Amino acid sequence: MLIADGEVFKAARLIVDRHGARAADYAQDQIDQLTAQGDEIGAEAWRQIAAAVAEVQRQTRRPD
């Protein structure tokens, strides 16, 4: 299941805003929980979000 890129990045920005430096850990926790529950579709969605979280964090760390 693929989520539209715009929606993935929207979710990633919200997670970074809410969880700050721990955003990647939060996303990984979601992946781990869903995988443990056998929800591979949900886990894959969170993998997409986790990748976007990493990109958002890289962009916000760049000096202007």
PDB file of N, CA and C in Angstrom:
ATOM      1  N   MET A   1       0.848  -1.180   0.000  1.00  0.00           N
ATOM      2  CA  MET A   1       0.000   0.000   0.000  1.00  0.00           C
ATOM      3  C   MET A   1       0.887   1.234   0.000  1.00  0.00           C
ATOM      4  N   LEU A   2       0.688   2.052  -0.983  1.00  0.00           N
ATOM      5  CA  LEU A   2       1.444   3.292  -1.051  1.00  0.00           C
ATOM      6  C   LEU A   2       0.553   4.452  -0.653  1.00  0.00           C
ATOM      7  N   ILE A   3       1.126   5.357   0.084  1.00  0.00           N
ATOM      8  CA  ILE A   3       0.431   6.582   0.473  1.00  0.00           C
ATOM      9  C   ILE A   3       0.969   7.683  -0.426  1.00  0.00           C
ATOM     10  N   ALA A   4       0.121   8.598  -0.831  1.00  0.00           N
ATOM     11  CA  ALA A   4       0.556   9.717  -1.666  1.00  0.00           C
ATOM     12  C   ALA A   4       1.680  10.471  -0.960  1.00  0.00           C
ATOM     13  N   ASP A   5       2.701  10.856  -1.742  1.00  0.00           N
ATOM     14  CA  ASP A   5       3.869  11.533  -1.167  1.00  0.00           C
ATOM     15  C   ASP A   5       3.491  12.742  -0.326  1.00  0.00           C
ATOM     16  N   GLY A   6       2.544  13.520  -0.806  1.00  0.00           N
ATOM     17  CA  GLY A   6       2.129  14.710  -0.061  1.00  0.00           C
ATOM     18  C   GLY A   6       1.596  14.360   1.317  1.00  0.00           C
ATOM     19  N   GLU A   7       0.834  13.287   1.393  1.00  0.00           N
ATOM     20  CA  GLU A   7       0.280  12.852   2.677  1.00  0.00           C
ATOM     21  C   GLU A   7       1.371  12.300   3.588  1.00  0.00           C
ATOM     22  N   VAL A   8       2.323  11.593   3.015  1.00  0.00           N
ATOM     23  CA  VAL A   8       3.432  11.052   3.799  1.00  0.00           C
ATOM     24  C   VAL A   8       4.234  12.196   4.425  1.00  0.00           C
ATOM     25  N   PHE A   9       4.551  13.201   3.627  1.00  0.00           N
ATOM     26  CA  PHE A   9       5.340  14.316   4.153  1.00  0.00           C
ATOM     27  C   PHE A   9       4.542  15.179   5.123  1.00  0.00           C
ATOM     28  N   LYS A  10       3.249  15.274   4.917  1.00  0.00           N
ATOM     29  CA  LYS A  10       2.394  15.991   5.862  1.00  0.00           C
ATOM     30  C   LYS A  10       2.439  15.297   7.224  1.00  0.00           C
ATOM     31  N   ALA A  11       2.296  13.970   7.211  1.00  0.00           N
ATOM     32  CA  ALA A  11       2.379  13.197   8.451  1.00  0.00           C
ATOM     33  C   ALA A  11       3.759  13.328   9.081  1.00  0.00           C
ATOM     34  N   ALA A  12       4.808  13.268   8.262  1.00  0.00           N
ATOM     35  CA  ALA A  12       6.180  13.371   8.781  1.00  0.00           C
ATOM     36  C   ALA A  12       6.412  14.713   9.460  1.00  0.00           C
ATOM     37  N   ARG A  13       5.938  15.787   8.841  1.00  0.00           N
ATOM     38  CA  ARG A  13       6.110  17.114   9.455  1.00  0.00           C
ATOM     39  C   ARG A  13       5.381  17.208  10.788  1.00  0.00           C
ATOM     40  N   LEU A  14       4.185  16.638  10.858  1.00  0.00           N
ATOM     41  CA  LEU A  14       3.444  16.635  12.128  1.00  0.00           C
ATOM     42  C   LEU A  14       4.201  15.859  13.202  1.00  0.00           C
ATOM     43  N   ILE A  15       4.754  14.720  12.830  1.00  0.00           N
ATOM     44  CA  ILE A  15       5.499  13.904  13.792  1.00  0.00           C
ATOM     45  C   ILE A  15       6.742  14.632  14.265  1.00  0.00           C
ATOM     46  N   VAL A  16       7.456  15.273  13.363  1.00  0.00           N
ATOM     47  CA  VAL A  16       8.647  16.038  13.745  1.00  0.00           C
ATOM     48  C   VAL A  16       8.244  17.198  14.653  1.00  0.00           C
ATOM     49  N   ASP A  17       7.150  17.878  14.333  1.00  0.00           N
ATOM     50  CA  ASP A  17       6.680  18.980  15.179  1.00  0.00           C
ATOM     51  C   ASP A  17       6.326  18.499  16.581  1.00  0.00           C
ATOM     52  N   ARG A  18       5.684  17.346  16.667  1.00  0.00           N
ATOM     53  CA  ARG A  18       5.228  16.835  17.972  1.00  0.00           C
ATOM     54  C   ARG A  18       6.327  16.143  18.766  1.00  0.00           C
ATOM     55  N   HIS A  19       7.244  15.466  18.087  1.00  0.00           N
ATOM     56  CA  HIS A  19       8.217  14.626  18.785  1.00  0.00           C
ATOM     57  C   HIS A  19       9.654  15.121  18.677  1.00  0.00           C
ATOM     58  N   GLY A  20       9.870  16.157  17.884  1.00  0.00           N
ATOM     59  CA  GLY A  20      11.193  16.760  17.783  1.00  0.00           C
ATOM     60  C   GLY A  20      12.276  15.760  17.428  1.00  0.00           C
ATOM     61  N   ALA A  21      13.362  15.798  18.179  1.00  0.00           N
ATOM     62  CA  ALA A  21      14.520  14.944  17.907  1.00  0.00           C
ATOM     63  C   ALA A  21      14.182  13.458  18.050  1.00  0.00           C
ATOM     64  N   ARG A  22      13.112  13.150  18.729  1.00  0.00           N
ATOM     65  CA  ARG A  22      12.719  11.751  18.930  1.00  0.00           C
ATOM     66  C   ARG A  22      11.749  11.254  17.853  1.00  0.00           C
ATOM     67  N   ALA A  23      11.491  12.046  16.830  1.00  0.00           N
ATOM     68  CA  ALA A  23      10.514  11.686  15.796  1.00  0.00           C
ATOM     69  C   ALA A  23      10.847  10.368  15.104  1.00  0.00           C
ATOM     70  N   ALA A  24      12.106  10.158  14.771  1.00  0.00           N
ATOM     71  CA  ALA A  24      12.501   8.908  14.098  1.00  0.00           C
ATOM     72  C   ALA A  24      12.286   7.712  15.020  1.00  0.00           C
ATOM     73  N   ASP A  25      12.576   7.889  16.293  1.00  0.00           N
ATOM     74  CA  ASP A  25      12.340   6.810  17.261  1.00  0.00           C
ATOM     75  C   ASP A  25      10.856   6.498  17.369  1.00  0.00           C
ATOM     76  N   TYR A  26      10.027   7.538  17.377  1.00  0.00           N
ATOM     77  CA  TYR A  26       8.587   7.354  17.446  1.00  0.00           C
ATOM     78  C   TYR A  26       8.094   6.560  16.236  1.00  0.00           C
ATOM     79  N   ALA A  27       8.545   6.942  15.062  1.00  0.00           N
ATOM     80  CA  ALA A  27       8.136   6.241  13.845  1.00  0.00           C
ATOM     81  C   ALA A  27       8.574   4.782  13.892  1.00  0.00           C
ATOM     82  N   GLN A  28       9.790   4.529  14.344  1.00  0.00           N
ATOM     83  CA  GLN A  28      10.278   3.151  14.444  1.00  0.00           C
ATOM     84  C   GLN A  28       9.460   2.352  15.453  1.00  0.00           C
ATOM     85  N   ASP A  29       9.073   2.991  16.552  1.00  0.00           N
ATOM     86  CA  ASP A  29       8.219   2.315  17.536  1.00  0.00           C
ATOM     87  C   ASP A  29       6.904   1.866  16.897  1.00  0.00           C
ATOM     88  N   GLN A  30       6.335   2.732  16.044  1.00  0.00           N
ATOM     89  CA  GLN A  30       5.085   2.379  15.363  1.00  0.00           C
ATOM     90  C   GLN A  30       5.299   1.184  14.438  1.00  0.00           C
ATOM     91  N   ILE A  31       6.397   1.202  13.713  1.00  0.00           N
ATOM     92  CA  ILE A  31       6.728   0.080  12.816  1.00  0.00           C
ATOM     93  C   ILE A  31       6.859  -1.210  13.618  1.00  0.00           C
ATOM     94  N   ASP A  32       7.597  -1.137  14.719  1.00  0.00           N
ATOM     95  CA  ASP A  32       7.821  -2.326  15.550  1.00  0.00           C
ATOM     96  C   ASP A  32       6.513  -2.879  16.107  1.00  0.00           C
ATOM     97  N   GLN A  33       5.643  -1.986  16.599  1.00  0.00           N
ATOM     98  CA  GLN A  33       4.368  -2.424  17.166  1.00  0.00           C
ATOM     99  C   GLN A  33       3.486  -3.079  16.106  1.00  0.00           C
ATOM    100  N   LEU A  34       3.393  -2.449  14.953  1.00  0.00           N
ATOM    101  CA  LEU A  34       2.545  -2.995  13.897  1.00  0.00           C
ATOM    102  C   LEU A  34       3.088  -4.320  13.368  1.00  0.00           C
ATOM    103  N   THR A  35       4.397  -4.418  13.247  1.00  0.00           N
ATOM    104  CA  THR A  35       5.016  -5.667  12.805  1.00  0.00           C
ATOM    105  C   THR A  35       4.733  -6.781  13.816  1.00  0.00           C
ATOM    106  N   ALA A  36       4.862  -6.465  15.094  1.00  0.00           N
ATOM    107  CA  ALA A  36       4.596  -7.448  16.141  1.00  0.00           C
ATOM    108  C   ALA A  36       3.138  -7.910  16.114  1.00  0.00           C
ATOM    109  N   GLN A  37       2.242  -7.029  15.686  1.00  0.00           N
ATOM    110  CA  GLN A  37       0.815  -7.362  15.604  1.00  0.00           C
ATOM    111  C   GLN A  37       0.468  -8.063  14.288  1.00  0.00           C
ATOM    112  N   GLY A  38       1.457  -8.185  13.402  1.00  0.00           N
ATOM    113  CA  GLY A  38       1.221  -8.835  12.126  1.00  0.00           C
ATOM    114  C   GLY A  38       0.605  -7.934  11.075  1.00  0.00           C
ATOM    115  N   ASP A  39       0.622  -6.636  11.328  1.00  0.00           N
ATOM    116  CA  ASP A  39       0.028  -5.664  10.395  1.00  0.00           C
ATOM    117  C   ASP A  39       1.116  -5.125   9.470  1.00  0.00           C
ATOM    118  N   GLU A  40       1.434  -5.892   8.440  1.00  0.00           N
ATOM    119  CA  GLU A  40       2.501  -5.487   7.517  1.00  0.00           C
ATOM    120  C   GLU A  40       2.103  -4.297   6.654  1.00  0.00           C
ATOM    121  N   ILE A  41       0.829  -4.153   6.356  1.00  0.00           N
ATOM    122  CA  ILE A  41       0.386  -2.998   5.567  1.00  0.00           C
ATOM    123  C   ILE A  41       0.590  -1.719   6.372  1.00  0.00           C
ATOM    124  N   GLY A  42       0.168  -1.744   7.620  1.00  0.00           N
ATOM    125  CA  GLY A  42       0.370  -0.586   8.489  1.00  0.00           C
ATOM    126  C   GLY A  42       1.843  -0.299   8.716  1.00  0.00           C
ATOM    127  N   ALA A  43       2.629  -1.365   8.908  1.00  0.00           N
ATOM    128  CA  ALA A  43       4.070  -1.198   9.113  1.00  0.00           C
ATOM    129  C   ALA A  43       4.717  -0.582   7.886  1.00  0.00           C
ATOM    130  N   GLU A  44       4.298  -0.998   6.700  1.00  0.00           N
ATOM    131  CA  GLU A  44       4.859  -0.432   5.473  1.00  0.00           C
ATOM    132  C   GLU A  44       4.510   1.048   5.341  1.00  0.00           C
ATOM    133  N   ALA A  45       3.304   1.402   5.720  1.00  0.00           N
ATOM    134  CA  ALA A  45       2.922   2.817   5.699  1.00  0.00           C
ATOM    135  C   ALA A  45       3.836   3.619   6.624  1.00  0.00           C
ATOM    136  N   TRP A  46       4.104   3.083   7.800  1.00  0.00           N
ATOM    137  CA  TRP A  46       4.993   3.772   8.732  1.00  0.00           C
ATOM    138  C   TRP A  46       6.440   3.781   8.255  1.00  0.00           C
ATOM    139  N   ARG A  47       6.840   2.791   7.487  1.00  0.00           N
ATOM    140  CA  ARG A  47       8.194   2.830   6.903  1.00  0.00           C
ATOM    141  C   ARG A  47       8.312   4.006   5.940  1.00  0.00           C
ATOM    142  N   GLN A  48       7.260   4.243   5.171  1.00  0.00           N
ATOM    143  CA  GLN A  48       7.259   5.403   4.273  1.00  0.00           C
ATOM    144  C   GLN A  48       7.331   6.697   5.085  1.00  0.00           C
ATOM    145  N   ILE A  49       6.556   6.756   6.149  1.00  0.00           N
ATOM    146  CA  ILE A  49       6.555   7.949   6.996  1.00  0.00           C
ATOM    147  C   ILE A  49       7.908   8.128   7.664  1.00  0.00           C
ATOM    148  N   ALA A  50       8.513   7.035   8.125  1.00  0.00           N
ATOM    149  CA  ALA A  50       9.830   7.114   8.776  1.00  0.00           C
ATOM    150  C   ALA A  50      10.879   7.671   7.823  1.00  0.00           C
ATOM    151  N   ALA A  51      10.836   7.249   6.573  1.00  0.00           N
ATOM    152  CA  ALA A  51      11.782   7.780   5.585  1.00  0.00           C
ATOM    153  C   ALA A  51      11.550   9.271   5.380  1.00  0.00           C
ATOM    154  N   ALA A  52      10.304   9.684   5.351  1.00  0.00           N
ATOM    155  CA  ALA A  52       9.995  11.101   5.195  1.00  0.00           C
ATOM    156  C   ALA A  52      10.401  11.896   6.435  1.00  0.00           C
ATOM    157  N   VAL A  53      10.245  11.310   7.614  1.00  0.00           N
ATOM    158  CA  VAL A  53      10.696  11.964   8.850  1.00  0.00           C
ATOM    159  C   VAL A  53      12.190  12.241   8.758  1.00  0.00           C
ATOM    160  N   ALA A  54      12.955  11.253   8.311  1.00  0.00           N
ATOM    161  CA  ALA A  54      14.406  11.439   8.174  1.00  0.00           C
ATOM    162  C   ALA A  54      14.713  12.572   7.206  1.00  0.00           C
ATOM    163  N   GLU A  55      13.982  12.644   6.109  1.00  0.00           N
ATOM    164  CA  GLU A  55      14.198  13.712   5.130  1.00  0.00           C
ATOM    165  C   GLU A  55      13.831  15.078   5.715  1.00  0.00           C
ATOM    166  N   VAL A  56      12.714  15.160   6.409  1.00  0.00           N
ATOM    167  CA  VAL A  56      12.300  16.428   7.034  1.00  0.00           C
ATOM    168  C   VAL A  56      13.355  16.850   8.054  1.00  0.00           C
ATOM    169  N   GLN A  57      13.856  15.915   8.838  1.00  0.00           N
ATOM    170  CA  GLN A  57      14.872  16.263   9.831  1.00  0.00           C
ATOM    171  C   GLN A  57      16.164  16.721   9.148  1.00  0.00           C
ATOM    172  N   ARG A  58      16.542  16.086   8.047  1.00  0.00           N
ATOM    173  CA  ARG A  58      17.750  16.533   7.303  1.00  0.00           C
ATOM    174  C   ARG A  58      17.549  17.953   6.786  1.00  0.00           C
ATOM    175  N   GLN A  59      16.385  18.233   6.256  1.00  0.00           N
ATOM    176  CA  GLN A  59      16.104  19.561   5.704  1.00  0.00           C
ATOM    177  C   GLN A  59      16.116  20.632   6.773  1.00  0.00           C
ATOM    178  N   THR A  60      15.623  20.311   7.956  1.00  0.00           N
ATOM    179  CA  THR A  60      15.564  21.318   9.013  1.00  0.00           C
ATOM    180  C   THR A  60      16.916  21.543   9.669  1.00  0.00           C
ATOM    181  N   ARG A  61      17.845  20.606   9.502  1.00  0.00           N
ATOM    182  CA  ARG A  61      19.195  20.759  10.075  1.00  0.00           C
ATOM    183  C   ARG A  61      20.135  21.534   9.167  1.00  0.00           C
ATOM    184  N   ARG A  62      19.766  21.676   7.899  1.00  0.00           N
ATOM    185  CA  ARG A  62      20.655  22.356   6.959  1.00  0.00           C
ATOM    186  C   ARG A  62      20.764  23.835   7.270  1.00  0.00           C
ATOM    187  N   PRO A  63      21.984  24.354   7.312  1.00  0.00           N
ATOM    188  CA  PRO A  63      22.119  25.806   7.489  1.00  0.00           C
ATOM    189  C   PRO A  63      21.720  26.526   6.204  1.00  0.00           C
ATOM    190  N   ASP A  64      21.092  27.672   6.371  1.00  0.00           N
ATOM    191  CA  ASP A  64      20.656  28.455   5.179  1.00  0.00           C
ATOM    192  C   ASP A  64      21.787  29.222   4.565  1.00  0.00           C
TER     193      ASP A  64
END
